[in-house]
Protein backbone atom coordinates (compact mmCIF):
# COMPACT_ATOMS: atom_id res chain seq x y z
CA MET A 1 -42.98 -49.69 -206.83
CA HIS A 2 -43.71 -53.61 -207.15
CA PRO A 3 -40.70 -55.18 -205.35
CA LYS A 4 -39.71 -57.09 -208.65
CA GLN A 5 -39.25 -53.56 -210.46
CA LEU A 6 -36.96 -52.18 -207.39
CA LEU A 7 -35.10 -54.95 -206.97
CA ASP A 8 -34.56 -54.91 -211.06
CA ALA A 9 -33.66 -51.14 -210.88
CA CYS A 10 -31.13 -52.91 -207.59
CA ALA A 11 -29.33 -54.52 -210.32
CA GLU A 12 -28.83 -52.25 -213.05
CA LEU A 13 -27.37 -49.83 -210.13
CA VAL A 14 -24.58 -52.57 -209.47
CA LYS A 15 -23.67 -53.45 -212.58
CA ARG A 16 -22.84 -49.77 -212.86
CA THR A 17 -21.06 -48.80 -209.79
CA LEU A 18 -18.61 -52.47 -210.26
CA THR A 19 -17.17 -51.28 -213.26
CA PHE A 20 -15.68 -49.13 -210.89
CA GLU A 21 -15.08 -46.36 -214.06
CA HIS A 22 -16.28 -42.98 -212.12
CA PRO A 23 -16.83 -43.13 -207.83
CA ALA A 24 -20.15 -44.91 -206.27
CA ASP A 25 -21.72 -41.73 -204.93
CA ALA A 26 -21.05 -40.04 -208.66
CA VAL A 27 -23.01 -43.27 -210.20
CA VAL A 28 -25.74 -43.39 -207.50
CA SER A 29 -26.41 -39.59 -208.45
CA ARG A 30 -26.18 -40.09 -212.17
CA PHE A 31 -28.81 -43.33 -211.69
CA PHE A 32 -31.01 -41.20 -209.55
CA ARG A 33 -31.38 -38.09 -211.74
CA GLU A 34 -31.88 -41.25 -214.73
CA ASN A 35 -35.12 -42.29 -212.43
CA ARG A 36 -36.60 -39.11 -211.38
CA TYR A 37 -39.48 -41.21 -210.59
CA LEU A 38 -38.00 -42.77 -207.91
CA GLY A 39 -39.57 -42.26 -204.33
CA PRO A 40 -37.49 -41.61 -201.03
CA ARG A 41 -37.54 -44.43 -199.90
CA GLU A 42 -36.59 -46.68 -203.20
CA ARG A 43 -33.43 -44.00 -203.14
CA ALA A 44 -32.27 -45.27 -199.96
CA THR A 45 -33.14 -49.47 -200.92
CA LEU A 46 -31.10 -48.69 -204.09
CA ALA A 47 -28.11 -46.49 -202.42
CA GLU A 48 -27.96 -48.52 -199.49
CA THR A 49 -27.86 -51.96 -201.46
CA THR A 50 -25.50 -50.46 -203.59
CA TYR A 51 -23.91 -49.67 -200.35
CA THR A 52 -23.74 -53.41 -198.96
CA VAL A 53 -22.60 -54.94 -202.37
CA LEU A 54 -19.75 -52.93 -202.09
CA ARG A 55 -19.11 -53.63 -198.26
CA LYS A 56 -18.98 -56.79 -198.64
CA LYS A 57 -18.25 -57.95 -201.86
CA LEU A 58 -16.02 -60.38 -202.14
CA ARG A 59 -18.28 -63.08 -199.45
CA PHE A 60 -21.08 -62.42 -202.02
CA GLU A 61 -19.02 -63.13 -204.65
CA ALA A 62 -18.12 -66.21 -203.16
CA LEU A 63 -22.10 -66.97 -201.95
CA ALA A 64 -22.64 -65.94 -205.64
CA HIS A 65 -21.33 -68.99 -207.48
CA SER A 66 -23.80 -71.18 -206.19
CA GLY A 67 -26.17 -69.18 -207.53
CA SER A 68 -27.68 -68.91 -211.55
CA GLY A 69 -28.80 -66.10 -213.42
CA ALA A 70 -26.67 -63.29 -213.85
CA ARG A 71 -23.74 -61.74 -211.37
CA GLU A 72 -24.89 -58.48 -211.04
CA ARG A 73 -28.53 -59.90 -209.96
CA ARG A 74 -27.83 -62.16 -207.44
CA LEU A 75 -25.50 -59.96 -206.12
CA ALA A 76 -28.21 -57.45 -205.85
CA ILE A 77 -30.50 -59.52 -204.28
CA LEU A 78 -27.57 -60.28 -200.94
CA GLY A 79 -27.80 -57.24 -200.46
CA PHE A 80 -30.99 -55.98 -200.96
CA ALA A 81 -32.60 -59.18 -198.98
CA GLU A 82 -29.60 -57.48 -196.30
CA VAL A 83 -31.18 -53.59 -196.02
CA LEU A 84 -34.87 -55.03 -196.10
CA ARG A 85 -34.29 -56.64 -193.05
CA GLU A 86 -32.61 -53.59 -191.36
CA GLN A 87 -34.47 -51.14 -192.30
CA ALA A 88 -37.28 -53.07 -190.76
CA ARG A 89 -34.54 -54.03 -187.89
CA LYS A 90 -34.35 -50.12 -187.20
CA GLU A 91 -37.68 -49.33 -187.67
CA GLY A 92 -38.55 -51.96 -184.84
CA LYS A 93 -40.93 -53.36 -187.01
CA ALA A 94 -40.94 -55.83 -189.86
CA ARG A 95 -43.59 -53.79 -192.35
CA ASN A 96 -42.99 -50.96 -195.43
CA LYS A 97 -45.21 -48.34 -196.28
CA ASP A 98 -47.44 -50.45 -198.07
CA GLY A 99 -47.95 -52.76 -195.85
CA GLN A 100 -45.97 -56.21 -196.08
CA ASP A 101 -43.72 -57.15 -194.07
CA SER A 102 -39.27 -57.76 -195.50
CA GLU A 103 -39.27 -61.13 -195.34
CA THR A 104 -43.53 -61.24 -197.61
CA PHE A 105 -41.53 -57.95 -199.79
CA ILE A 106 -38.92 -60.21 -200.64
CA LYS A 107 -40.49 -63.33 -201.82
CA ALA A 108 -42.45 -60.72 -203.72
CA ALA A 109 -39.02 -59.98 -206.05
CA LEU A 110 -37.84 -63.21 -206.50
CA LEU A 111 -38.00 -66.43 -208.36
CA PRO A 112 -38.23 -69.76 -206.50
CA GLN A 113 -35.18 -70.97 -207.54
CA GLU A 114 -33.97 -67.38 -206.14
CA LEU A 115 -35.65 -67.84 -202.98
CA LYS A 116 -33.96 -71.69 -202.25
CA TRP A 117 -30.13 -69.93 -203.73
CA LEU A 118 -31.09 -67.23 -200.44
CA ALA A 119 -32.00 -69.99 -197.50
CA ALA A 120 -29.18 -71.55 -198.40
CA CYS A 121 -27.14 -68.21 -198.13
CA ASP A 122 -28.61 -66.99 -195.23
CA SER A 123 -28.02 -70.74 -193.36
CA ILE A 124 -24.03 -69.65 -193.99
CA GLN A 125 -22.73 -69.12 -190.46
CA PRO A 126 -20.06 -66.71 -190.49
CA GLU A 127 -17.33 -68.73 -188.30
CA GLU A 128 -17.69 -71.44 -191.88
CA LEU A 129 -16.17 -68.64 -194.04
CA MET A 130 -13.05 -68.06 -195.56
CA GLU A 131 -10.86 -65.71 -193.97
CA ALA A 132 -10.51 -63.36 -196.78
CA HIS A 133 -15.06 -63.27 -196.78
CA ARG A 134 -15.43 -62.24 -193.39
CA HIS A 135 -12.96 -58.99 -193.60
CA ASN A 136 -13.91 -58.43 -197.35
CA LEU A 137 -10.55 -56.19 -198.12
CA PRO A 138 -8.56 -56.98 -200.95
CA GLU A 139 -5.00 -58.34 -200.02
CA TRP A 140 -2.85 -55.62 -200.07
CA LEU A 141 -4.29 -53.96 -198.18
CA VAL A 142 -4.67 -56.37 -194.61
CA GLU A 143 -1.50 -57.11 -192.87
CA PRO A 144 -0.68 -53.65 -192.85
CA LEU A 145 -4.41 -52.75 -190.21
CA LYS A 146 -3.23 -56.41 -188.47
CA ALA A 147 0.01 -54.85 -188.15
CA GLN A 148 -1.45 -51.95 -186.26
CA LEU A 149 -3.73 -52.88 -185.25
CA GLY A 150 -3.73 -57.07 -183.78
CA ASP A 151 -6.84 -58.69 -182.36
CA GLY A 152 -7.93 -54.92 -183.07
CA PHE A 153 -8.07 -56.02 -187.15
CA TRP A 154 -11.42 -57.23 -186.84
CA GLN A 155 -13.13 -55.12 -184.61
CA LEU A 156 -12.68 -52.26 -187.56
CA THR A 157 -13.29 -54.77 -190.47
CA ALA A 158 -16.59 -55.05 -189.13
CA SER A 159 -17.22 -51.46 -188.41
CA MET A 160 -16.46 -51.04 -192.03
CA GLU A 161 -19.64 -52.86 -193.26
CA ARG A 162 -21.75 -50.92 -191.20
CA SER A 163 -22.62 -47.05 -192.71
CA ALA A 164 -21.22 -44.04 -191.22
CA PRO A 165 -23.36 -41.60 -188.69
CA LEU A 166 -24.08 -38.18 -190.46
CA ASP A 167 -22.08 -35.82 -188.11
CA LEU A 168 -23.23 -31.85 -188.00
CA ARG A 169 -20.73 -28.84 -186.98
CA VAL A 170 -22.55 -26.63 -185.61
CA ASN A 171 -21.13 -22.39 -187.11
CA GLN A 172 -20.31 -21.24 -183.61
CA LEU A 173 -19.66 -17.98 -185.53
CA HIS A 174 -23.41 -16.81 -185.30
CA ASP A 175 -25.28 -20.05 -183.24
CA LYS A 176 -24.98 -22.45 -180.06
CA ARG A 177 -25.33 -25.96 -180.42
CA SER A 178 -27.97 -26.62 -177.82
CA ASP A 179 -30.31 -23.82 -179.20
CA VAL A 180 -29.33 -25.79 -182.52
CA ARG A 181 -30.36 -29.32 -181.29
CA LYS A 182 -33.25 -27.27 -179.80
CA GLU A 183 -34.30 -26.83 -183.51
CA LEU A 184 -33.63 -29.78 -185.13
CA GLU A 185 -35.97 -31.62 -183.06
CA LYS A 186 -38.45 -29.19 -183.73
CA ALA A 187 -38.04 -30.16 -187.32
CA GLY A 188 -38.55 -33.63 -186.18
CA ILE A 189 -35.00 -34.74 -186.12
CA LYS A 190 -32.99 -36.42 -183.22
CA ALA A 191 -29.11 -35.60 -182.80
CA GLU A 192 -26.84 -35.96 -179.66
CA PRO A 193 -23.67 -33.59 -178.56
CA THR A 194 -21.17 -35.75 -180.87
CA PRO A 195 -19.11 -37.45 -177.80
CA TYR A 196 -15.68 -35.50 -178.27
CA SER A 197 -15.78 -32.27 -180.52
CA PRO A 198 -17.84 -29.54 -179.33
CA MET A 199 -19.32 -28.67 -181.89
CA GLY A 200 -20.89 -31.49 -183.51
CA LEU A 201 -24.35 -33.03 -183.16
CA ARG A 202 -24.70 -36.83 -183.92
CA VAL A 203 -28.29 -36.93 -186.29
CA ASP A 204 -30.07 -40.41 -185.87
CA GLY A 205 -30.62 -41.48 -189.06
CA LYS A 206 -30.39 -40.22 -192.50
CA PRO A 207 -33.49 -37.14 -192.71
CA ALA A 208 -33.31 -35.03 -195.44
CA LEU A 209 -31.34 -31.88 -194.48
CA THR A 210 -31.05 -29.35 -197.13
CA LYS A 211 -34.62 -27.46 -196.48
CA VAL A 212 -33.78 -27.13 -193.09
CA ASP A 213 -34.03 -23.51 -191.51
CA ALA A 214 -31.00 -24.47 -189.66
CA PHE A 215 -29.05 -26.21 -192.99
CA VAL A 216 -30.30 -22.84 -195.35
CA ARG A 217 -29.24 -20.12 -193.23
CA GLY A 218 -25.99 -21.29 -192.26
CA ALA A 219 -25.93 -22.98 -188.27
CA ILE A 220 -24.78 -26.21 -189.92
CA GLU A 221 -23.45 -27.72 -191.88
CA VAL A 222 -22.47 -31.72 -192.93
CA GLN A 223 -19.18 -32.90 -191.45
CA ASP A 224 -17.63 -36.32 -189.79
CA GLU A 225 -16.85 -35.26 -185.88
CA GLY A 226 -12.93 -36.40 -186.86
CA SER A 227 -12.93 -33.69 -190.08
CA GLN A 228 -14.29 -31.13 -186.71
CA LEU A 229 -11.55 -32.50 -184.50
CA LEU A 230 -8.21 -31.44 -187.21
CA ALA A 231 -10.09 -28.15 -187.01
CA LEU A 232 -9.21 -27.98 -183.30
CA LEU A 233 -6.34 -29.12 -183.32
CA LEU A 234 -5.43 -26.00 -186.23
CA ASP A 235 -6.40 -23.45 -182.91
CA ALA A 236 -6.54 -20.85 -185.12
CA LYS A 237 -7.14 -17.55 -183.25
CA ARG A 238 -8.68 -14.46 -183.96
CA GLY A 239 -6.49 -11.89 -186.96
CA GLU A 240 -4.28 -14.50 -188.09
CA MET A 241 -2.77 -15.36 -191.40
CA VAL A 242 -3.97 -18.79 -192.14
CA VAL A 243 -3.70 -21.07 -195.21
CA ASP A 244 -6.09 -24.27 -195.56
CA PHE A 245 -3.92 -26.61 -198.23
CA CYS A 246 -6.06 -28.67 -200.78
CA ALA A 247 -8.74 -27.11 -198.56
CA GLY A 248 -11.26 -29.20 -201.46
CA ALA A 249 -15.23 -28.21 -200.87
CA GLY A 250 -13.62 -26.10 -197.15
CA GLY A 251 -14.96 -28.49 -194.98
CA LYS A 252 -12.32 -27.49 -192.73
CA THR A 253 -12.38 -23.92 -194.10
CA LEU A 254 -15.43 -23.24 -193.05
CA ALA A 255 -15.11 -24.20 -188.82
CA ILE A 256 -11.61 -22.52 -188.68
CA GLY A 257 -13.18 -19.03 -190.53
CA ALA A 258 -15.83 -19.13 -187.33
CA ALA A 259 -12.69 -20.33 -184.73
CA MET A 260 -10.97 -17.32 -185.55
CA ARG A 261 -14.57 -15.30 -185.59
CA ASN A 262 -14.36 -13.32 -189.21
CA THR A 263 -11.39 -12.03 -188.20
CA GLY A 264 -8.07 -11.92 -190.35
CA ARG A 265 -7.60 -13.47 -193.37
CA LEU A 266 -7.80 -17.66 -194.00
CA TYR A 267 -6.59 -18.98 -197.68
CA ALA A 268 -8.08 -21.40 -199.41
CA PHE A 269 -6.23 -23.05 -201.60
CA ASP A 270 -6.87 -26.15 -203.88
CA VAL A 271 -5.33 -27.32 -207.19
CA SER A 272 -8.93 -27.38 -208.07
CA GLY A 273 -10.93 -25.23 -209.22
CA HIS A 274 -14.27 -27.57 -209.93
CA ARG A 275 -13.80 -28.60 -206.13
CA LEU A 276 -13.58 -24.58 -204.45
CA ASP A 277 -16.64 -24.00 -206.50
CA ALA A 278 -18.41 -26.10 -204.58
CA LEU A 279 -17.10 -24.13 -201.23
CA LYS A 280 -18.77 -21.06 -202.37
CA PRO A 281 -22.34 -21.92 -201.59
CA ARG A 282 -21.34 -23.08 -198.47
CA LEU A 283 -19.28 -19.93 -197.93
CA ALA A 284 -22.51 -17.79 -198.21
CA ARG A 285 -24.49 -19.84 -196.22
CA SER A 286 -21.56 -19.03 -193.74
CA GLY A 287 -21.63 -15.63 -192.86
CA LEU A 288 -17.76 -15.80 -193.21
CA SER A 289 -15.87 -13.13 -195.07
CA ASN A 290 -12.37 -14.22 -194.07
CA VAL A 291 -12.18 -16.99 -196.06
CA HIS A 292 -10.28 -16.31 -200.07
CA PRO A 293 -10.24 -19.41 -202.38
CA ALA A 294 -7.80 -19.55 -204.73
CA ALA A 295 -7.27 -22.71 -207.17
CA ILE A 296 -3.23 -23.03 -207.93
CA ALA A 297 -1.19 -24.46 -210.27
CA HIS A 298 0.50 -26.62 -207.80
CA GLU A 299 2.14 -26.30 -204.14
CA ARG A 300 5.01 -24.54 -205.99
CA ASP A 301 2.83 -22.10 -207.43
CA GLU A 302 4.19 -18.60 -207.41
CA ARG A 303 0.53 -17.42 -204.94
CA VAL A 304 2.52 -20.32 -202.31
CA LYS A 305 5.73 -18.68 -202.50
CA ARG A 306 4.75 -14.85 -202.02
CA LEU A 307 3.68 -15.98 -197.88
CA ALA A 308 6.37 -17.66 -197.76
CA GLY A 309 7.38 -16.88 -193.73
CA LYS A 310 4.74 -15.34 -193.75
CA ILE A 311 1.29 -17.30 -192.22
CA ASP A 312 0.63 -18.46 -188.35
CA ARG A 313 -0.40 -21.97 -189.21
CA VAL A 314 -1.02 -23.71 -192.09
CA LEU A 315 -3.43 -27.32 -192.20
CA VAL A 316 -2.22 -29.80 -194.50
CA ASP A 317 -5.51 -31.61 -195.22
CA ALA A 318 -3.41 -33.61 -197.94
CA PRO A 319 -4.43 -35.83 -201.19
CA CYS A 320 -4.30 -39.12 -199.42
CA SER A 321 -6.27 -42.77 -200.25
CA GLY A 322 -9.78 -41.80 -198.59
CA LEU A 323 -9.21 -45.80 -196.32
CA GLY A 324 -10.26 -44.03 -193.18
CA THR A 325 -13.67 -43.25 -195.39
CA LEU A 326 -14.48 -46.90 -195.67
CA ARG A 327 -18.20 -46.95 -194.68
CA ARG A 328 -19.15 -43.61 -196.30
CA ASN A 329 -17.07 -44.76 -199.60
CA PRO A 330 -16.32 -48.71 -199.77
CA ASP A 331 -15.60 -48.52 -203.42
CA LEU A 332 -12.46 -47.05 -202.56
CA LYS A 333 -10.60 -50.70 -201.05
CA TRP A 334 -11.11 -52.21 -204.51
CA ARG A 335 -10.20 -48.71 -206.56
CA GLN A 336 -7.24 -48.19 -204.85
CA SER A 337 -3.93 -50.19 -205.21
CA ALA A 338 -0.64 -50.24 -203.43
CA LYS A 339 1.32 -48.60 -205.98
CA ALA A 340 -1.85 -45.98 -205.75
CA VAL A 341 -0.78 -45.46 -202.38
CA GLU A 342 3.56 -45.17 -203.02
CA GLU A 343 2.97 -42.82 -205.55
CA LEU A 344 0.69 -40.87 -203.55
CA THR A 345 3.38 -40.75 -200.33
CA GLN A 346 5.11 -38.66 -202.44
CA LYS A 347 2.46 -36.18 -203.49
CA GLN A 348 2.02 -35.77 -199.33
CA ALA A 349 5.99 -35.28 -198.44
CA SER A 350 6.75 -33.13 -201.64
CA ILE A 351 3.27 -31.19 -200.30
CA LEU A 352 4.16 -30.65 -196.74
CA GLU A 353 7.68 -29.62 -197.78
CA SER A 354 6.42 -26.93 -200.32
CA SER A 355 3.31 -25.81 -197.82
CA ALA A 356 6.17 -25.53 -194.58
CA ARG A 357 7.99 -23.07 -195.90
CA LEU A 358 5.09 -20.47 -195.46
CA VAL A 359 4.39 -21.10 -191.15
CA LYS A 360 6.55 -17.91 -190.01
CA ALA A 361 8.83 -18.34 -186.62
CA GLY A 362 6.82 -19.74 -183.81
CA GLY A 363 4.03 -20.62 -186.36
CA ARG A 364 1.74 -23.91 -185.74
CA LEU A 365 1.97 -26.50 -188.94
CA VAL A 366 -0.51 -28.84 -188.69
CA TYR A 367 -0.48 -32.47 -191.59
CA ALA A 368 -3.66 -34.34 -192.06
CA THR A 369 -5.29 -37.44 -193.86
CA CYS A 370 -8.04 -39.46 -193.94
CA SER A 371 -6.45 -42.82 -194.33
CA ILE A 372 -5.22 -45.53 -192.12
CA LEU A 373 -2.05 -46.14 -193.43
CA PRO A 374 0.93 -45.61 -191.43
CA GLN A 375 2.18 -45.18 -194.56
CA GLU A 376 1.09 -41.93 -195.87
CA ASN A 377 0.50 -41.19 -192.04
CA GLU A 378 3.10 -41.51 -189.36
CA ALA A 379 5.70 -42.24 -191.73
CA ILE A 380 5.66 -38.94 -194.30
CA ALA A 381 5.44 -37.11 -190.32
CA GLU A 382 9.07 -38.93 -189.45
CA ALA A 383 10.14 -38.26 -191.94
CA PHE A 384 9.44 -34.53 -192.48
CA SER A 385 10.34 -34.44 -188.65
CA ALA A 386 13.62 -35.65 -189.28
CA ALA A 387 14.57 -33.37 -192.14
CA HIS A 388 13.59 -30.16 -190.34
CA PRO A 389 14.98 -29.94 -186.94
CA ASP A 390 13.66 -26.16 -187.45
CA PHE A 391 9.90 -27.85 -187.45
CA VAL A 392 9.68 -29.25 -183.09
CA PRO A 393 6.69 -32.07 -182.86
CA LEU A 394 4.01 -31.00 -180.34
CA ASP A 395 1.74 -33.43 -178.19
CA ALA A 396 -1.66 -33.75 -179.76
CA ALA A 397 -3.32 -35.52 -177.35
CA GLU A 398 -1.67 -32.46 -175.10
CA LEU A 399 -2.72 -29.77 -177.46
CA LEU A 400 -6.23 -31.34 -177.79
CA GLU A 401 -6.63 -31.54 -173.38
CA GLN A 402 -5.44 -27.81 -173.41
CA LEU A 403 -9.45 -27.52 -175.64
CA LYS A 404 -10.81 -29.69 -173.18
CA ILE A 405 -11.23 -32.09 -175.76
CA ALA A 406 -12.96 -35.31 -173.98
CA ASP A 407 -10.30 -38.26 -173.58
CA ALA A 408 -7.41 -36.93 -175.29
CA ASP A 409 -5.38 -39.16 -174.68
CA LYS A 410 -7.93 -41.86 -176.13
CA LEU A 411 -7.96 -39.66 -179.34
CA CYS A 412 -4.01 -40.04 -180.22
CA SER A 413 -1.30 -42.21 -180.43
CA GLY A 414 2.59 -42.17 -180.95
CA GLY A 415 5.62 -41.08 -180.05
CA ASP A 416 7.83 -41.62 -176.09
CA ALA A 417 4.10 -41.07 -174.45
CA GLY A 418 1.55 -42.69 -176.78
CA ARG A 419 -0.03 -38.61 -176.94
CA ARG A 420 2.10 -37.32 -180.28
CA TYR A 421 -0.93 -38.14 -183.81
CA LEU A 422 -4.61 -37.97 -183.19
CA ARG A 423 -5.29 -41.76 -184.87
CA LEU A 424 -8.69 -41.95 -184.86
CA TRP A 425 -10.35 -45.18 -185.97
CA PRO A 426 -14.14 -45.79 -186.89
CA HIS A 427 -14.21 -49.33 -184.29
CA GLN A 428 -12.75 -46.38 -181.82
CA HIS A 429 -14.13 -44.02 -181.82
CA GLU A 430 -17.26 -43.95 -184.03
CA THR A 431 -15.48 -41.09 -187.00
CA ASP A 432 -13.55 -41.71 -189.81
CA GLY A 433 -9.91 -42.98 -189.98
CA PHE A 434 -7.61 -39.46 -189.29
CA PHE A 435 -4.49 -38.45 -188.84
CA ALA A 436 -2.27 -35.83 -187.70
CA ALA A 437 1.04 -35.08 -186.94
CA VAL A 438 1.26 -31.17 -185.67
CA TRP A 439 5.02 -29.12 -185.57
CA VAL A 440 5.90 -25.49 -183.68
CA ARG A 441 8.92 -23.74 -186.16
CA LYS A 442 11.27 -22.68 -183.42
CA ALA A 443 11.57 -18.45 -183.24
């Protein structure tokens, strides 16, 4: 594909994405369906250009003011140039598959005045930029993160400008991590064990996995290491009654089912039948028969009430802002708002309240989000503890140590000893941002 055509396609995709009418991944997927002639490398460049623009939107918009032509084209040029240079750097060479070096490819895509403008943009040093153009976050999000992280705020924002690694969970019902790693290597896919999760593999690059035998037979699932740790924290046992509340497409459900060794009964509840439909093919591949998906109307559904006081372990994977996933979903910071988060916290508290009723005496309750905001995390957990003296908070670090998770202390914060909550950060742990609180119901 000629560089000019590829840049034009990038500009069109950026334009569609920046309306924020739909999630960016859905817009990108639809664009690819409409343009099936695009090859794998062209799709990668288009997607990465779009996500780079979303990650660095404030900076790129500031730079775009000095250019000319359509706004989305100027934004696309900045993302396009950055992506091509990064691709060349990762490949350890400066030439693409057609033998052109990245700079030649960029020059072939741009008009003379655009080249001059891009050179001027490239000459600007980071320290010359305004603070907002360095952190690329909406103002409502800045203060809560600075208050939590101090100087670490800038490390977090730097990590948010990079794409997330691709993590896999090995289905330990049938397979061993070491064997699957060797199998992937034979298929040309390099993978390393994740530093914390004993069932995780971190893959080099973004290979196509759906046709790999390990994926087809259910030996692996794509799942961030942080999400794997949440499933481990529930520590579901053989023969137990377990509920995954807000199960969605079932990533944690499948991990929990395997931990139960395909015994007992695991309910996967969600208000979205559509999301649960996405679980069905994954469930079929997994070989699990102890999982029972069920769409519910709301957290007080009759199906939920019938299980009150009968469940050994409940995971509340609460609906949240998703701001811990900004490396994967950078559009969320522009599609969320402080008001939306406030509305979510009310829902989170209500769901936790209702799901707690399911837990039997001596049972375990886990509340989790993929948010990095304290109002969705510690505030919800502490309010619940204050209102429910029959639920005793557990030390998350101690639980992880019992599971032989390496460096458990480094994964946790909060409470008197700073170990009460699981608290994962992209810049510290190379996972998505996750939170979890754990309680046991008094016998």
